[in-house]
Amino acid sequence: MWMLALADAAIAAEVRDFTPGGGGPSATVVVSPGFSIVGFLPLIRRFSADGFDVHTVEFACAGQTRAELEQELRTSLSALPPGQTLVAHGLGATVALGAKPDVKRYILLAPLLDIRPMAATSWAAALPTGPSVDLTPSPEWSGQSLKDVLLGEPPPLTCGSGPLVREVQGWVREGHIPLALEEVDAPVWIGVSLGDELATVEAVIPAARRLPNRTILRLGLNALQGRDFSHGAMLTHRIPLRAAVRAARHRKPR
């Protein structure tokens, strides 16, 4: 069972500058709620190595709803230079698209745009939550770690806001994520893979068609890349990361 914890920290997102004085094009990486920034370091380093001036936005586990996280993201971006490329993964992409900030483009790896019901997520949707949820332990589902089942190669997790977790549980029960994708003005690039059990191809691609300006790239065996990528691997493996940077630079995939 997830451990329940009280969160009394102030509701505020933390912004970090990973390349002070870099002078390159600006990219802001949204650290997904519940994920440690450690899991995002391969993505941050890849963008930094390509010459981007990289900032990150991290959310505290302070009892926020999704709407409050979206407002935190808008506030954080308003303090950064205009023309940001917004880079996100998983649930962070859900928050980013829901916020609809004024950005140059979105680069999204394994974004949660809609839900395909499955036994493991339905079981997780019934777990109890408190003001915040400690995600570092993992309950077992069918004799396996739930994190391994859902993430495949789980990056380090931290904690999640209780109200947000309950919203996500509701999405799973309803089989739908309420996102006004038709209202997203900026171009959106999306990377998906058949090995992803959370941001499934079956759920993401139909939802992505509602975006007015989108590019979808399927990564993995169908692209002769040797393997399909889990939800966790989409954040850390060199092939998805390379594809994301190339998309941000408007280079052709290879």
C-alpha atoms as a PDB file:
ATOM      1  CA  MET A   1       0.000   0.000   0.000  1.00  0.00           C
ATOM      2  CA  TRP A   2       1.162   3.506  -0.726  1.00  0.00           C
ATOM      3  CA  MET A   3       2.333   5.302   2.393  1.00  0.00           C
ATOM      4  CA  LEU A   4       0.210   8.287   3.361  1.00  0.00           C
ATOM      5  CA  ALA A   5       1.862  11.499   4.494  1.00  0.00           C
ATOM      6  CA  LEU A   6       0.905  15.051   5.421  1.00  0.00           C
ATOM      7  CA  ALA A   7       2.294  17.883   3.313  1.00  0.00           C
ATOM      8  CA  ASP A   8       2.532  21.357   4.827  1.00  0.00           C
ATOM      9  CA  ALA A   9       4.975  22.967   2.380  1.00  0.00           C
ATOM     10  CA  ALA A  10       3.867  26.093   0.576  1.00  0.00           C
ATOM     11  CA  ILE A  11       2.318  25.504  -2.824  1.00  0.00           C
ATOM     12  CA  ALA A  12       4.997  26.673  -5.228  1.00  0.00           C
ATOM     13  CA  ALA A  13       6.951  25.286  -8.145  1.00  0.00           C
ATOM     14  CA  GLU A  14      10.734  25.419  -8.064  1.00  0.00           C
ATOM     15  CA  VAL A  15      12.551  26.695 -11.144  1.00  0.00           C
ATOM     16  CA  ARG A  16      16.202  25.771 -11.739  1.00  0.00           C
ATOM     17  CA  ASP A  17      18.610  27.033 -14.365  1.00  0.00           C
ATOM     18  CA  PHE A  18      20.830  24.147 -15.487  1.00  0.00           C
ATOM     19  CA  THR A  19      22.860  26.160 -17.993  1.00  0.00           C
ATOM     20  CA  PRO A  20      23.420  29.643 -16.524  1.00  0.00           C
ATOM     21  CA  GLY A  21      24.693  32.014 -19.184  1.00  0.00           C
ATOM     22  CA  GLY A  22      24.231  29.388 -21.886  1.00  0.00           C
ATOM     23  CA  GLY A  23      22.873  31.795 -24.472  1.00  0.00           C
ATOM     24  CA  GLY A  24      21.300  29.085 -26.643  1.00  0.00           C
ATOM     25  CA  PRO A  25      17.623  28.522 -27.494  1.00  0.00           C
ATOM     26  CA  SER A  26      15.486  28.160 -24.377  1.00  0.00           C
ATOM     27  CA  ALA A  27      13.982  24.858 -23.265  1.00  0.00           C
ATOM     28  CA  THR A  28      12.028  24.296 -20.058  1.00  0.00           C
ATOM     29  CA  VAL A  29      11.745  20.728 -18.793  1.00  0.00           C
ATOM     30  CA  VAL A  30       8.649  19.986 -16.705  1.00  0.00           C
ATOM     31  CA  VAL A  31       9.468  17.397 -14.040  1.00  0.00           C
ATOM     32  CA  SER A  32       6.422  15.133 -13.826  1.00  0.00           C
ATOM     33  CA  PRO A  33       4.528  15.241 -10.517  1.00  0.00           C
ATOM     34  CA  GLY A  34       5.705  12.312  -8.390  1.00  0.00           C
ATOM     35  CA  PHE A  35       9.007  11.899 -10.265  1.00  0.00           C
ATOM     36  CA  SER A  36      12.415  12.825  -8.912  1.00  0.00           C
ATOM     37  CA  ILE A  37      14.452  15.257 -10.981  1.00  0.00           C
ATOM     38  CA  VAL A  38      17.171  12.569 -10.958  1.00  0.00           C
ATOM     39  CA  GLY A  39      15.145  10.600 -13.507  1.00  0.00           C
ATOM     40  CA  PHE A  40      15.061  13.654 -15.782  1.00  0.00           C
ATOM     41  CA  LEU A  41      18.816  14.256 -15.762  1.00  0.00           C
ATOM     42  CA  PRO A  42      19.462  12.235 -18.975  1.00  0.00           C
ATOM     43  CA  LEU A  43      16.867  14.385 -20.770  1.00  0.00           C
ATOM     44  CA  ILE A  44      18.220  17.623 -19.286  1.00  0.00           C
ATOM     45  CA  ARG A  45      21.794  16.721 -20.184  1.00  0.00           C
ATOM     46  CA  ARG A  46      20.840  15.755 -23.724  1.00  0.00           C
ATOM     47  CA  PHE A  47      19.204  19.141 -24.366  1.00  0.00           C
ATOM     48  CA  SER A  48      22.044  20.993 -22.648  1.00  0.00           C
ATOM     49  CA  ALA A  49      24.657  19.132 -24.726  1.00  0.00           C
ATOM     50  CA  ASP A  50      22.803  20.188 -27.869  1.00  0.00           C
ATOM     51  CA  GLY A  51      23.204  23.841 -26.926  1.00  0.00           C
ATOM     52  CA  PHE A  52      19.872  24.591 -25.268  1.00  0.00           C
ATOM     53  CA  ASP A  53      19.610  26.899 -22.284  1.00  0.00           C
ATOM     54  CA  VAL A  54      17.715  24.524 -19.980  1.00  0.00           C
ATOM     55  CA  HIS A  55      15.454  25.397 -17.069  1.00  0.00           C
ATOM     56  CA  THR A  56      13.382  22.932 -15.069  1.00  0.00           C
ATOM     57  CA  VAL A  57      10.092  23.304 -13.222  1.00  0.00           C
ATOM     58  CA  GLU A  58       9.493  20.991 -10.230  1.00  0.00           C
ATOM     59  CA  PHE A  59       6.305  20.692  -8.207  1.00  0.00           C
ATOM     60  CA  ALA A  60       6.071  20.230  -4.450  1.00  0.00           C
ATOM     61  CA  CYS A  61       3.690  17.647  -2.916  1.00  0.00           C
ATOM     62  CA  ALA A  62       1.561  20.282  -1.224  1.00  0.00           C
ATOM     63  CA  GLY A  63      -2.005  19.184  -1.809  1.00  0.00           C
ATOM     64  CA  GLN A  64      -2.453  20.784  -5.242  1.00  0.00           C
ATOM     65  CA  THR A  65      -5.116  19.912  -7.765  1.00  0.00           C
ATOM     66  CA  ARG A  66      -4.196  19.659 -11.432  1.00  0.00           C
ATOM     67  CA  ALA A  67      -5.593  23.160 -11.995  1.00  0.00           C
ATOM     68  CA  GLU A  68      -3.294  24.530  -9.286  1.00  0.00           C
ATOM     69  CA  LEU A  69      -0.277  22.783 -10.801  1.00  0.00           C
ATOM     70  CA  GLU A  70      -1.176  24.278 -14.171  1.00  0.00           C
ATOM     71  CA  GLN A  71      -1.268  27.736 -12.610  1.00  0.00           C
ATOM     72  CA  GLU A  72       2.119  27.116 -10.958  1.00  0.00           C
ATOM     73  CA  LEU A  73       3.553  26.189 -14.349  1.00  0.00           C
ATOM     74  CA  ARG A  74       2.153  29.311 -16.028  1.00  0.00           C
ATOM     75  CA  THR A  75       3.554  31.486 -13.240  1.00  0.00           C
ATOM     76  CA  SER A  76       6.967  29.812 -13.482  1.00  0.00           C
ATOM     77  CA  LEU A  77       7.144  30.242 -17.258  1.00  0.00           C
ATOM     78  CA  SER A  78       6.117  33.899 -17.055  1.00  0.00           C
ATOM     79  CA  ALA A  79       9.392  34.591 -15.218  1.00  0.00           C
ATOM     80  CA  LEU A  80      11.495  32.964 -17.960  1.00  0.00           C
ATOM     81  CA  PRO A  81      12.501  34.363 -21.363  1.00  0.00           C
ATOM     82  CA  PRO A  82       9.748  34.190 -24.021  1.00  0.00           C
ATOM     83  CA  GLY A  83       9.819  31.625 -26.789  1.00  0.00           C
ATOM     84  CA  GLN A  84      10.353  28.577 -24.584  1.00  0.00           C
ATOM     85  CA  THR A  85      10.331  25.038 -25.952  1.00  0.00           C
ATOM     86  CA  LEU A  86       8.375  23.124 -23.316  1.00  0.00           C
ATOM     87  CA  VAL A  87       9.616  19.575 -22.783  1.00  0.00           C
ATOM     88  CA  ALA A  88       7.585  17.084 -20.749  1.00  0.00           C
ATOM     89  CA  HIS A  89       6.927  13.386 -20.135  1.00  0.00           C
ATOM     90  CA  GLY A  90       3.920  11.406 -18.946  1.00  0.00           C
ATOM     91  CA  LEU A  91       1.747  13.218 -16.408  1.00  0.00           C
ATOM     92  CA  GLY A  92       3.968  16.283 -16.737  1.00  0.00           C
ATOM     93  CA  ALA A  93       2.775  16.534 -20.340  1.00  0.00           C
ATOM     94  CA  THR A  94      -0.848  16.402 -19.146  1.00  0.00           C
ATOM     95  CA  VAL A  95      -0.192  19.356 -16.827  1.00  0.00           C
ATOM     96  CA  ALA A  96       1.715  21.233 -19.548  1.00  0.00           C
ATOM     97  CA  LEU A  97      -1.037  20.886 -22.162  1.00  0.00           C
ATOM     98  CA  GLY A  98      -3.744  21.703 -19.630  1.00  0.00           C
ATOM     99  CA  ALA A  99      -1.922  24.890 -18.632  1.00  0.00           C
ATOM    100  CA  LYS A 100      -1.802  26.108 -22.243  1.00  0.00           C
ATOM    101  CA  PRO A 101       1.084  28.514 -21.534  1.00  0.00           C
ATOM    102  CA  ASP A 102       2.504  30.881 -24.122  1.00  0.00           C
ATOM    103  CA  VAL A 103       5.338  28.717 -25.492  1.00  0.00           C
ATOM    104  CA  LYS A 104       7.040  28.248 -28.843  1.00  0.00           C
ATOM    105  CA  ARG A 105       6.413  24.500 -29.066  1.00  0.00           C
ATOM    106  CA  TYR A 106       5.845  21.353 -27.024  1.00  0.00           C
ATOM    107  CA  ILE A 107       8.158  18.327 -27.098  1.00  0.00           C
ATOM    108  CA  LEU A 108       6.346  15.466 -25.367  1.00  0.00           C
ATOM    109  CA  LEU A 109       7.631  11.975 -24.639  1.00  0.00           C
ATOM    110  CA  ALA A 110       4.998   9.369 -23.697  1.00  0.00           C
ATOM    111  CA  PRO A 111       2.368  12.008 -22.834  1.00  0.00           C
ATOM    112  CA  LEU A 112      -0.735  10.945 -20.904  1.00  0.00           C
ATOM    113  CA  LEU A 113      -3.448  12.277 -23.200  1.00  0.00           C
ATOM    114  CA  ASP A 114      -6.098   9.654 -22.535  1.00  0.00           C
ATOM    115  CA  ILE A 115      -6.586   6.379 -20.670  1.00  0.00           C
ATOM    116  CA  ARG A 116      -6.795   2.805 -21.862  1.00  0.00           C
ATOM    117  CA  PRO A 117      -8.236   0.813 -18.930  1.00  0.00           C
ATOM    118  CA  MET A 118      -6.121  -2.127 -17.753  1.00  0.00           C
ATOM    119  CA  ALA A 119      -6.259  -4.362 -14.693  1.00  0.00           C
ATOM    120  CA  ALA A 120      -3.219  -2.889 -12.921  1.00  0.00           C
ATOM    121  CA  THR A 121      -4.310   0.759 -13.246  1.00  0.00           C
ATOM    122  CA  SER A 122      -7.891  -0.098 -12.239  1.00  0.00           C
ATOM    123  CA  TRP A 123      -6.540  -1.786  -9.101  1.00  0.00           C
ATOM    124  CA  ALA A 124      -4.303   1.221  -8.338  1.00  0.00           C
ATOM    125  CA  ALA A 125      -7.270   3.551  -8.785  1.00  0.00           C
ATOM    126  CA  ALA A 126      -8.857   2.025  -5.670  1.00  0.00           C
ATOM    127  CA  LEU A 127      -5.850   2.564  -3.356  1.00  0.00           C
ATOM    128  CA  PRO A 128      -6.355   5.061  -0.500  1.00  0.00           C
ATOM    129  CA  THR A 129      -4.687   8.470  -0.585  1.00  0.00           C
ATOM    130  CA  GLY A 130      -3.963  11.241   1.907  1.00  0.00           C
ATOM    131  CA  PRO A 131      -2.953  14.898   1.486  1.00  0.00           C
ATOM    132  CA  SER A 132       0.172  13.584  -0.225  1.00  0.00           C
ATOM    133  CA  VAL A 133       1.224  10.118  -1.346  1.00  0.00           C
ATOM    134  CA  ASP A 134       4.712   8.686  -0.852  1.00  0.00           C
ATOM    135  CA  LEU A 135       5.526   6.937  -4.134  1.00  0.00           C
ATOM    136  CA  THR A 136       8.908   5.536  -3.106  1.00  0.00           C
ATOM    137  CA  PRO A 137       7.543   2.186  -1.861  1.00  0.00           C
ATOM    138  CA  SER A 138       5.589   0.128  -4.378  1.00  0.00           C
ATOM    139  CA  PRO A 139       2.607  -2.102  -3.698  1.00  0.00           C
ATOM    140  CA  GLU A 140       2.546  -5.535  -5.311  1.00  0.00           C
ATOM    141  CA  TRP A 141       0.073  -6.368  -8.005  1.00  0.00           C
ATOM    142  CA  SER A 142      -0.216  -9.995  -9.131  1.00  0.00           C
ATOM    143  CA  GLY A 143       3.121 -10.782  -7.488  1.00  0.00           C
ATOM    144  CA  GLN A 144       4.966  -7.941  -9.212  1.00  0.00           C
ATOM    145  CA  SER A 145       5.954  -4.439  -8.212  1.00  0.00           C
ATOM    146  CA  LEU A 146       3.263  -2.063  -9.423  1.00  0.00           C
ATOM    147  CA  LYS A 147       5.940   0.437 -10.464  1.00  0.00           C
ATOM    148  CA  ASP A 148       7.627  -2.188 -12.629  1.00  0.00           C
ATOM    149  CA  VAL A 149       4.316  -3.185 -14.224  1.00  0.00           C
ATOM    150  CA  LEU A 150       3.298   0.379 -15.095  1.00  0.00           C
ATOM    151  CA  LEU A 151       6.650   2.044 -15.733  1.00  0.00           C
ATOM    152  CA  GLY A 152       8.728  -0.880 -16.984  1.00  0.00           C
ATOM    153  CA  GLU A 153      12.039   0.704 -16.009  1.00  0.00           C
ATOM    154  CA  PRO A 154      10.940   3.089 -13.265  1.00  0.00           C
ATOM    155  CA  PRO A 155      12.986   6.242 -12.733  1.00  0.00           C
ATOM    156  CA  PRO A 156      13.249   7.407  -9.092  1.00  0.00           C
ATOM    157  CA  LEU A 157       9.907   8.539  -7.669  1.00  0.00           C
ATOM    158  CA  THR A 158       9.196  10.914  -4.791  1.00  0.00           C
ATOM    159  CA  CYS A 159       5.680  11.875  -3.744  1.00  0.00           C
ATOM    160  CA  GLY A 160       2.449  12.978  -5.333  1.00  0.00           C
ATOM    161  CA  SER A 161      -0.151  15.523  -4.299  1.00  0.00           C
ATOM    162  CA  GLY A 162      -3.123  13.678  -2.828  1.00  0.00           C
ATOM    163  CA  PRO A 163      -5.783  15.693  -4.715  1.00  0.00           C
ATOM    164  CA  LEU A 164      -3.911  15.157  -7.999  1.00  0.00           C
ATOM    165  CA  VAL A 165      -3.576  11.419  -7.324  1.00  0.00           C
ATOM    166  CA  ARG A 166      -7.315  11.226  -6.682  1.00  0.00           C
ATOM    167  CA  GLU A 167      -7.976  13.073  -9.944  1.00  0.00           C
ATOM    168  CA  VAL A 168      -5.812  10.567 -11.807  1.00  0.00           C
ATOM    169  CA  GLN A 169      -7.649   7.699 -10.098  1.00  0.00           C
ATOM    170  CA  GLY A 170     -10.900   9.247 -11.314  1.00  0.00           C
ATOM    171  CA  TRP A 171      -9.585   9.419 -14.870  1.00  0.00           C
ATOM    172  CA  VAL A 172      -8.789   5.715 -14.717  1.00  0.00           C
ATOM    173  CA  ARG A 173     -12.265   4.841 -13.439  1.00  0.00           C
ATOM    174  CA  GLU A 174     -13.896   6.997 -16.126  1.00  0.00           C
ATOM    175  CA  GLY A 175     -11.521   5.882 -18.879  1.00  0.00           C
ATOM    176  CA  HIS A 176     -10.916   9.468 -19.967  1.00  0.00           C
ATOM    177  CA  ILE A 177      -8.609  12.434 -19.258  1.00  0.00           C
ATOM    178  CA  PRO A 178     -10.378  15.814 -19.515  1.00  0.00           C
ATOM    179  CA  LEU A 179      -8.042  17.831 -21.743  1.00  0.00           C
ATOM    180  CA  ALA A 180      -9.103  20.584 -24.159  1.00  0.00           C
ATOM    181  CA  LEU A 181      -6.547  19.538 -26.771  1.00  0.00           C
ATOM    182  CA  GLU A 182      -8.359  21.443 -29.514  1.00  0.00           C
ATOM    183  CA  GLU A 183      -7.393  24.695 -27.755  1.00  0.00           C
ATOM    184  CA  VAL A 184      -3.617  24.089 -27.810  1.00  0.00           C
ATOM    185  CA  ASP A 185      -2.206  26.635 -30.270  1.00  0.00           C
ATOM    186  CA  ALA A 186       1.520  25.844 -30.328  1.00  0.00           C
ATOM    187  CA  PRO A 187       2.993  22.993 -32.408  1.00  0.00           C
ATOM    188  CA  VAL A 188       3.183  19.700 -30.512  1.00  0.00           C
ATOM    189  CA  TRP A 189       5.686  16.904 -31.194  1.00  0.00           C
ATOM    190  CA  ILE A 190       4.872  13.558 -29.568  1.00  0.00           C
ATOM    191  CA  GLY A 191       7.014  10.441 -29.176  1.00  0.00           C
ATOM    192  CA  VAL A 192       5.246   7.159 -28.332  1.00  0.00           C
ATOM    193  CA  SER A 193       6.137   3.471 -28.221  1.00  0.00           C
ATOM    194  CA  LEU A 194       4.271   0.164 -28.200  1.00  0.00           C
ATOM    195  CA  GLY A 195       6.134  -0.899 -25.051  1.00  0.00           C
ATOM    196  CA  ASP A 196       4.492   1.845 -22.963  1.00  0.00           C
ATOM    197  CA  GLU A 197       1.800   0.490 -20.606  1.00  0.00           C
ATOM    198  CA  LEU A 198       0.665   3.941 -19.414  1.00  0.00           C
ATOM    199  CA  ALA A 199       0.814   6.287 -22.398  1.00  0.00           C
ATOM    200  CA  THR A 200      -0.332   3.574 -24.757  1.00  0.00           C
ATOM    201  CA  VAL A 201      -0.291   4.004 -28.509  1.00  0.00           C
ATOM    202  CA  GLU A 202      -3.987   3.020 -28.553  1.00  0.00           C
ATOM    203  CA  ALA A 203      -4.885   5.917 -26.223  1.00  0.00           C
ATOM    204  CA  VAL A 204      -2.371   8.607 -27.200  1.00  0.00           C
ATOM    205  CA  ILE A 205      -2.672   8.625 -30.986  1.00  0.00           C
ATOM    206  CA  PRO A 206      -6.495   9.045 -31.225  1.00  0.00           C
ATOM    207  CA  ALA A 207      -6.373  11.788 -28.566  1.00  0.00           C
ATOM    208  CA  ALA A 208      -3.440  13.516 -30.291  1.00  0.00           C
ATOM    209  CA  ARG A 209      -5.477  13.878 -33.480  1.00  0.00           C
ATOM    210  CA  ARG A 210      -7.490  16.549 -31.636  1.00  0.00           C
ATOM    211  CA  LEU A 211      -4.403  18.768 -31.488  1.00  0.00           C
ATOM    212  CA  PRO A 212      -4.528  21.359 -34.303  1.00  0.00           C
ATOM    213  CA  ASN A 213      -0.778  21.196 -35.043  1.00  0.00           C
ATOM    214  CA  ARG A 214       0.863  17.895 -34.115  1.00  0.00           C
ATOM    215  CA  THR A 215       3.601  15.537 -35.215  1.00  0.00           C
ATOM    216  CA  ILE A 216       3.573  11.970 -33.886  1.00  0.00           C
ATOM    217  CA  LEU A 217       6.602   9.686 -34.028  1.00  0.00           C
ATOM    218  CA  ARG A 218       6.315   6.000 -33.124  1.00  0.00           C
ATOM    219  CA  LEU A 219       9.572   4.756 -31.656  1.00  0.00           C
ATOM    220  CA  GLY A 220      10.705   1.160 -31.241  1.00  0.00           C
ATOM    221  CA  LEU A 221      10.625  -2.035 -33.253  1.00  0.00           C
ATOM    222  CA  ASN A 222       8.406  -0.559 -35.961  1.00  0.00           C
ATOM    223  CA  ALA A 223      11.180   2.002 -36.535  1.00  0.00           C
ATOM    224  CA  LEU A 224      13.832  -0.762 -36.603  1.00  0.00           C
ATOM    225  CA  GLN A 225      15.299   0.437 -33.286  1.00  0.00           C
ATOM    226  CA  GLY A 226      15.783  -2.992 -31.734  1.00  0.00           C
ATOM    227  CA  ARG A 227      13.205  -2.750 -28.936  1.00  0.00           C
ATOM    228  CA  ASP A 228      10.018  -1.077 -27.820  1.00  0.00           C
ATOM    229  CA  PHE A 229      10.296   1.391 -24.955  1.00  0.00           C
ATOM    230  CA  SER A 230       8.488   1.323 -21.618  1.00  0.00           C
ATOM    231  CA  HIS A 231       7.046   4.451 -20.019  1.00  0.00           C
ATOM    232  CA  GLY A 232      10.181   4.811 -17.909  1.00  0.00           C
ATOM    233  CA  ALA A 233      12.567   4.134 -20.785  1.00  0.00           C
ATOM    234  CA  MET A 234      10.915   6.844 -22.868  1.00  0.00           C
ATOM    235  CA  LEU A 235      12.394   9.271 -20.347  1.00  0.00           C
ATOM    236  CA  THR A 236      15.891   7.831 -20.100  1.00  0.00           C
ATOM    237  CA  HIS A 237      16.866   5.792 -23.173  1.00  0.00           C
ATOM    238  CA  ARG A 238      19.164   7.503 -25.682  1.00  0.00           C
ATOM    239  CA  ILE A 239      16.898   6.807 -28.694  1.00  0.00           C
ATOM    240  CA  PRO A 240      13.765   8.645 -27.426  1.00  0.00           C
ATOM    241  CA  LEU A 241      15.950  11.419 -26.014  1.00  0.00           C
ATOM    242  CA  ARG A 242      17.786  11.860 -29.297  1.00  0.00           C
ATOM    243  CA  ALA A 243      14.451  11.978 -31.151  1.00  0.00           C
ATOM    244  CA  ALA A 244      13.156  14.665 -28.787  1.00  0.00           C
ATOM    245  CA  VAL A 245      16.199  16.892 -29.262  1.00  0.00           C
ATOM    246  CA  ARG A 246      16.089  16.477 -33.029  1.00  0.00           C
ATOM    247  CA  ALA A 247      12.411  17.447 -33.011  1.00  0.00           C
ATOM    248  CA  ALA A 248      13.185  20.534 -30.926  1.00  0.00           C
ATOM    249  CA  ARG A 249      15.807  21.499 -33.516  1.00  0.00           C
ATOM    250  CA  HIS A 250      13.465  20.674 -36.434  1.00  0.00           C
ATOM    251  CA  ARG A 251      15.849  17.989 -37.653  1.00  0.00           C
ATOM    252  CA  LYS A 252      14.586  14.916 -39.448  1.00  0.00           C
ATOM    253  CA  PRO A 253      14.409  11.691 -37.373  1.00  0.00           C
ATOM    254  CA  ARG A 254      16.986   9.003 -38.017  1.00  0.00           C
END
